[in-house]
Amino acid sequence: MCYNKSMIKHSIRYFNNKKVRAVWDNDKSIWWYSAIDLINVLVEPKSPRRYWNNIKVRNPELSPFCGKQKLYASDGKKYNSDVIGEDGIKLLITIIPSKYKKEIQNWIKGFLDPIDEQSKNKAYDLFKTNLIEKEEVGKTISLQKIHAYLFEGLYSFAGQIRTKTISKGGFTFANSDFLPQVLKDIDNMPDTSFKEIVDKYIEMNVAHPFMEGNGRATRIWLDFLLKERINKCIDWSMIEKKVYLSAMEVSPIDSKPIFELLGKTLTDDINNREIFLKGIDYSYYYEEDE
């Protein structure tokens, strides 16, 4: 059985730090997952494709829960691929030997916490909005609008500048007493070149103006700024999590790693919705705990 209607969202899920491609069926309100990716994370065979082909031939009871949909491959193109629904995954793990049966059951119940899941769905819709006025791009007000859009109804402080000093991993962000002035200074920073934009992004990250949700909101803010100023955006799907986090960690004292990392992934395909959606997926993945 194959469903082809309204496949509007492509996503990348992660299980044990391995990718599982997924696509959203708007009519059925379910996610379809790459069968081969699931075999790879569950069984880790030498040839996931061959293993899956053998499984589906020997177990025809899987057929009602499977289909064919186009998924993105490593070359950036979409290919017709075997997909399986959540009920099919539940059946699959009763058929194949896997040491991850319990973990995969928890995974399919929800790989993000409820707040992240809901705000991520809101983030998908940002592509269709006119949320940010042209004159607001690169300013704190636009970041506040993005944060409020993502987290309204989820955080009581959505879009509000924090009034407490916060720290993470031993690093203390801008002192709340001085934060209003810090943000004014950031607003006044030049942002007409890629180098200036990255410098501004680094400073906004150091400011960390919200109690939670800074990274997710600020990466979207960065893409709005790049798109408006230099007609570019970041293809976040090309940036590995650990590499990105390491570059950001040292960015307050050495901006070269993050500048070079982001520079390698710039694209002028700024109106490509799939790049935007993949960027959201990766942005939220960066925030997941290992």
Protein backbone atom coordinates (compact mmCIF):
# COMPACT_ATOMS: atom_id res chain seq x y z
CA MET A 1 0.00 0.00 0.00
CA CYS A 2 1.51 3.30 -1.05
CA TYR A 3 0.34 6.81 -0.17
CA ASN A 4 1.48 9.64 -2.40
CA LYS A 5 -0.58 12.67 -1.38
CA SER A 6 0.61 15.83 0.32
CA MET A 7 4.11 14.77 1.30
CA ILE A 8 5.08 18.24 2.43
CA LYS A 9 7.72 17.79 5.13
CA HIS A 10 11.02 16.00 4.91
CA SER A 11 12.79 15.35 8.19
CA ILE A 12 15.88 13.68 9.57
CA ARG A 13 15.50 11.82 12.84
CA TYR A 14 18.43 10.47 14.82
CA PHE A 15 18.77 7.18 16.65
CA ASN A 16 22.11 6.48 18.33
CA ASN A 17 23.49 9.39 16.29
CA LYS A 18 22.56 7.69 13.00
CA LYS A 19 20.23 9.33 10.49
CA VAL A 20 16.74 8.06 9.78
CA ARG A 21 15.05 9.95 6.96
CA ALA A 22 11.33 10.64 7.29
CA VAL A 23 8.53 12.28 5.33
CA TRP A 24 5.23 13.65 6.63
CA ASP A 25 1.89 12.50 5.18
CA ASN A 26 -0.44 15.45 5.69
CA ASP A 27 -3.56 13.49 4.73
CA LYS A 28 -2.88 10.63 7.14
CA SER A 29 -1.16 12.82 9.76
CA ILE A 30 1.66 10.31 10.16
CA TRP A 31 5.38 10.08 9.52
CA TRP A 32 6.82 7.56 7.07
CA TYR A 33 10.39 6.42 7.77
CA SER A 34 13.10 5.09 5.49
CA ALA A 35 13.01 1.30 5.86
CA ILE A 36 16.67 0.93 4.93
CA ASP A 37 17.75 3.57 7.46
CA LEU A 38 15.79 1.77 10.17
CA ILE A 39 17.41 -1.55 9.32
CA ASN A 40 20.80 0.16 9.49
CA VAL A 41 20.22 1.50 13.01
CA LEU A 42 18.43 -1.58 14.35
CA VAL A 43 20.55 -4.42 12.98
CA GLU A 44 23.66 -2.72 11.55
CA PRO A 45 24.11 -5.28 8.73
CA LYS A 46 26.80 -5.01 6.07
CA SER A 47 24.13 -4.40 3.43
CA PRO A 48 20.99 -2.76 4.90
CA ARG A 49 19.29 -2.74 1.49
CA ARG A 50 19.75 -6.47 0.93
CA TYR A 51 18.71 -7.23 4.51
CA TRP A 52 15.51 -5.19 4.10
CA ASN A 53 14.68 -6.80 0.76
CA ASN A 54 14.93 -10.25 2.35
CA ILE A 55 12.81 -9.20 5.34
CA LYS A 56 9.93 -7.82 3.27
CA VAL A 57 9.87 -10.90 1.00
CA ARG A 58 9.81 -13.31 3.94
CA ASN A 59 7.30 -11.27 5.94
CA PRO A 60 4.40 -10.17 3.69
CA GLU A 61 2.45 -9.06 6.79
CA LEU A 62 4.61 -5.90 6.68
CA SER A 63 3.18 -4.90 3.30
CA PRO A 64 0.10 -2.94 4.53
CA PHE A 65 2.38 -0.69 6.59
CA CYS A 66 4.91 0.04 3.84
CA GLY A 67 5.06 2.18 0.74
CA LYS A 68 7.26 4.01 -1.74
CA GLN A 69 8.14 7.69 -1.41
CA LYS A 70 10.90 9.96 -2.66
CA LEU A 71 13.51 10.66 0.02
CA TYR A 72 16.65 12.77 -0.09
CA ALA A 73 19.91 10.89 -0.64
CA SER A 74 23.45 11.97 0.24
CA ASP A 75 23.83 13.64 -3.17
CA GLY A 76 20.96 16.02 -2.36
CA LYS A 77 18.59 14.41 -4.88
CA LYS A 78 15.33 12.61 -4.12
CA TYR A 79 14.92 8.94 -5.02
CA ASN A 80 11.99 6.55 -4.79
CA SER A 81 12.55 4.65 -1.54
CA ASP A 82 10.87 2.06 0.66
CA VAL A 83 9.15 3.66 3.66
CA ILE A 84 7.42 2.21 6.69
CA GLY A 85 4.91 3.71 9.14
CA GLU A 86 5.03 3.67 12.93
CA ASP A 87 2.74 0.63 13.16
CA GLY A 88 5.02 -1.10 10.69
CA ILE A 89 8.05 -0.31 12.86
CA LYS A 90 6.31 -1.88 15.85
CA LEU A 91 5.73 -5.02 13.79
CA LEU A 92 9.24 -4.94 12.34
CA ILE A 93 10.92 -5.04 15.74
CA THR A 94 9.01 -8.22 16.60
CA ILE A 95 10.39 -9.85 13.45
CA ILE A 96 14.08 -8.91 13.40
CA PRO A 97 16.73 -9.54 16.05
CA SER A 98 17.88 -6.24 17.54
CA LYS A 99 19.45 -5.16 20.80
CA TYR A 100 17.64 -1.83 20.47
CA LYS A 101 14.03 -3.04 20.65
CA LYS A 102 13.19 -1.21 23.87
CA GLU A 103 14.99 1.96 22.80
CA ILE A 104 13.26 2.09 19.41
CA GLN A 105 9.85 1.76 21.08
CA ASN A 106 10.57 4.85 23.16
CA TRP A 107 12.03 6.61 20.12
CA ILE A 108 8.92 6.27 17.97
CA LYS A 109 6.76 7.62 20.80
CA GLY A 110 8.52 10.95 20.43
CA PHE A 111 12.16 11.68 19.74
CA LEU A 112 11.84 15.25 21.07
CA ASP A 113 10.31 16.53 24.27
CA PRO A 114 6.79 17.99 23.85
CA ILE A 115 8.00 21.59 23.78
CA ASP A 116 10.58 20.90 21.09
CA GLU A 117 8.10 18.87 19.05
CA GLN A 118 5.50 21.64 19.09
CA SER A 119 7.93 24.50 18.47
CA LYS A 120 9.55 22.55 15.64
CA ASN A 121 6.19 22.21 13.91
CA LYS A 122 5.78 25.98 14.23
CA ALA A 123 9.27 26.49 12.81
CA TYR A 124 8.31 24.55 9.67
CA ASP A 125 5.60 27.13 8.97
CA LEU A 126 7.95 30.12 9.30
CA PHE A 127 8.88 29.73 5.64
CA LYS A 128 5.36 30.78 4.64
CA THR A 129 5.06 33.82 6.92
CA ASN A 130 5.92 37.50 6.58
CA LEU A 131 6.86 37.64 10.24
CA ILE A 132 9.88 39.93 9.92
CA GLU A 133 9.75 43.42 8.43
CA LYS A 134 12.68 44.32 6.18
CA GLU A 135 13.95 47.02 8.52
CA GLU A 136 13.88 44.58 11.46
CA VAL A 137 16.24 42.03 9.90
CA GLY A 138 19.41 41.64 11.95
CA LYS A 139 17.90 43.45 14.94
CA THR A 140 16.97 42.14 18.37
CA ILE A 141 13.29 42.81 17.68
CA SER A 142 13.29 40.29 14.82
CA LEU A 143 14.92 37.68 17.06
CA GLN A 144 12.25 38.34 19.69
CA LYS A 145 9.54 37.85 17.07
CA ILE A 146 11.05 34.54 15.96
CA HIS A 147 11.38 33.32 19.55
CA ALA A 148 7.81 34.36 20.36
CA TYR A 149 6.53 32.61 17.22
CA LEU A 150 8.34 29.37 18.07
CA PHE A 151 7.57 29.20 21.78
CA GLU A 152 4.33 31.13 22.35
CA GLY A 153 2.09 29.01 24.58
CA LEU A 154 5.04 26.76 25.42
CA TYR A 155 7.25 29.10 27.45
CA SER A 156 5.79 31.90 29.57
CA PHE A 157 8.79 34.04 28.59
CA ALA A 158 8.48 33.52 24.81
CA GLY A 159 9.98 36.53 23.05
CA GLN A 160 10.94 38.25 26.31
CA ILE A 161 14.48 39.36 27.09
CA ARG A 162 15.70 37.56 30.19
CA THR A 163 16.20 39.37 33.50
CA LYS A 164 18.42 36.71 35.06
CA THR A 165 22.04 35.83 34.33
CA ILE A 166 22.45 32.33 32.89
CA SER A 167 25.32 29.97 32.13
CA LYS A 168 25.85 26.72 30.27
CA GLY A 169 28.75 24.29 30.35
CA GLY A 170 30.78 26.61 32.54
CA PHE A 171 30.30 29.61 30.24
CA THR A 172 28.38 32.61 31.59
CA PHE A 173 26.40 34.55 29.01
CA ALA A 174 25.91 38.32 29.08
CA ASN A 175 25.05 39.61 32.54
CA SER A 176 21.35 40.45 32.69
CA ASP A 177 22.10 43.87 34.23
CA PHE A 178 23.95 44.88 31.08
CA LEU A 179 21.98 42.83 28.55
CA PRO A 180 19.77 45.69 27.23
CA GLN A 181 22.85 47.74 26.34
CA VAL A 182 24.62 44.69 24.91
CA LEU A 183 21.68 44.09 22.58
CA LYS A 184 21.63 47.74 21.49
CA ASP A 185 25.32 47.45 20.65
CA ILE A 186 24.65 44.29 18.63
CA ASP A 187 21.83 46.04 16.76
CA ASN A 188 24.31 48.74 15.74
CA MET A 189 26.94 46.30 14.46
CA PRO A 190 27.43 46.41 10.67
CA ASP A 191 26.01 43.42 8.77
CA THR A 192 26.54 44.01 5.06
CA SER A 193 29.16 41.30 4.44
CA PHE A 194 29.34 37.63 5.35
CA LYS A 195 32.17 38.29 7.82
CA GLU A 196 30.19 41.05 9.54
CA ILE A 197 27.08 38.86 9.70
CA VAL A 198 28.98 35.97 11.32
CA ASP A 199 30.53 38.37 13.84
CA LYS A 200 27.06 39.64 14.69
CA TYR A 201 25.77 36.08 15.05
CA ILE A 202 28.60 35.23 17.44
CA GLU A 203 27.85 38.27 19.59
CA MET A 204 24.14 37.44 19.69
CA ASN A 205 25.01 33.92 20.80
CA VAL A 206 27.18 35.32 23.60
CA ALA A 207 24.30 37.60 24.60
CA HIS A 208 21.88 34.64 24.75
CA PRO A 209 18.91 36.97 25.34
CA PHE A 210 16.33 34.33 26.36
CA MET A 211 16.08 31.87 29.22
CA GLU A 212 15.69 28.95 26.78
CA GLY A 213 15.48 28.42 23.03
CA ASN A 214 18.33 30.73 22.05
CA GLY A 215 20.12 28.46 19.59
CA ARG A 216 17.02 27.42 17.66
CA ALA A 217 15.73 30.99 17.32
CA THR A 218 19.12 32.57 16.56
CA ARG A 219 20.01 30.17 13.73
CA ILE A 220 16.73 31.09 12.01
CA TRP A 221 17.51 34.77 12.69
CA LEU A 222 20.90 34.26 11.05
CA ASP A 223 19.36 32.80 7.90
CA PHE A 224 16.90 35.70 7.64
CA LEU A 225 19.87 38.08 7.88
CA LEU A 226 21.97 36.25 5.30
CA LYS A 227 19.05 36.04 2.91
CA GLU A 228 18.26 39.75 3.17
CA ARG A 229 21.82 41.09 3.02
CA ILE A 230 23.75 38.78 0.67
CA ASN A 231 21.06 36.55 -0.91
CA LYS A 232 22.49 33.45 0.75
CA CYS A 233 21.52 31.02 3.48
CA ILE A 234 23.17 28.14 5.33
CA ASP A 235 22.58 24.54 4.28
CA TRP A 236 22.63 23.27 7.86
CA SER A 237 22.31 19.66 6.70
CA MET A 238 25.95 19.85 5.62
CA ILE A 239 27.19 20.68 9.13
CA GLU A 240 27.88 17.93 11.64
CA LYS A 241 26.62 18.56 15.15
CA LYS A 242 29.90 18.09 17.02
CA VAL A 243 31.84 20.22 14.53
CA TYR A 244 29.31 23.04 14.79
CA LEU A 245 29.15 22.97 18.59
CA SER A 246 32.94 22.93 18.86
CA ALA A 247 33.25 25.90 16.52
CA MET A 248 30.61 27.86 18.45
CA GLU A 249 32.27 27.05 21.76
CA VAL A 250 35.51 28.76 20.74
CA SER A 251 33.87 31.51 18.67
CA PRO A 252 34.02 34.22 21.39
CA ILE A 253 37.83 34.07 21.28
CA ASP A 254 38.42 32.63 17.79
CA SER A 255 35.81 33.22 15.09
CA LYS A 256 37.79 31.53 12.31
CA PRO A 257 36.40 27.96 12.80
CA ILE A 258 32.73 29.00 12.68
CA PHE A 259 33.39 31.51 9.89
CA GLU A 260 35.01 28.84 7.72
CA LEU A 261 32.44 26.19 8.64
CA LEU A 262 29.45 28.35 7.73
CA GLY A 263 31.20 29.73 4.66
CA LYS A 264 31.58 26.25 3.17
CA THR A 265 27.85 25.62 3.41
CA LEU A 266 26.48 28.87 1.99
CA THR A 267 23.93 28.43 -0.79
CA ASP A 268 22.10 30.91 -3.01
CA ASP A 269 19.09 28.57 -3.20
CA ILE A 270 17.30 30.81 -0.69
CA ASN A 271 13.75 30.04 -1.82
CA ASN A 272 14.13 26.27 -1.61
CA ARG A 273 11.64 25.15 1.03
CA GLU A 274 13.33 21.77 1.43
CA ILE A 275 16.63 23.40 2.41
CA PHE A 276 14.73 25.47 4.97
CA LEU A 277 12.97 22.41 6.41
CA LYS A 278 16.17 20.39 6.59
CA GLY A 279 17.78 23.35 8.31
CA ILE A 280 15.08 23.29 10.98
CA ASP A 281 15.61 19.56 11.52
CA TYR A 282 19.35 19.98 11.99
CA SER A 283 18.96 23.08 14.14
CA TYR A 284 16.77 21.18 16.58
CA TYR A 285 19.09 18.18 16.46
CA TYR A 286 21.98 20.40 17.59
CA GLU A 287 20.05 21.07 20.80
CA GLU A 288 19.33 17.43 21.66
CA ASP A 289 21.22 15.88 24.55
CA GLU A 290 23.53 13.02 23.64
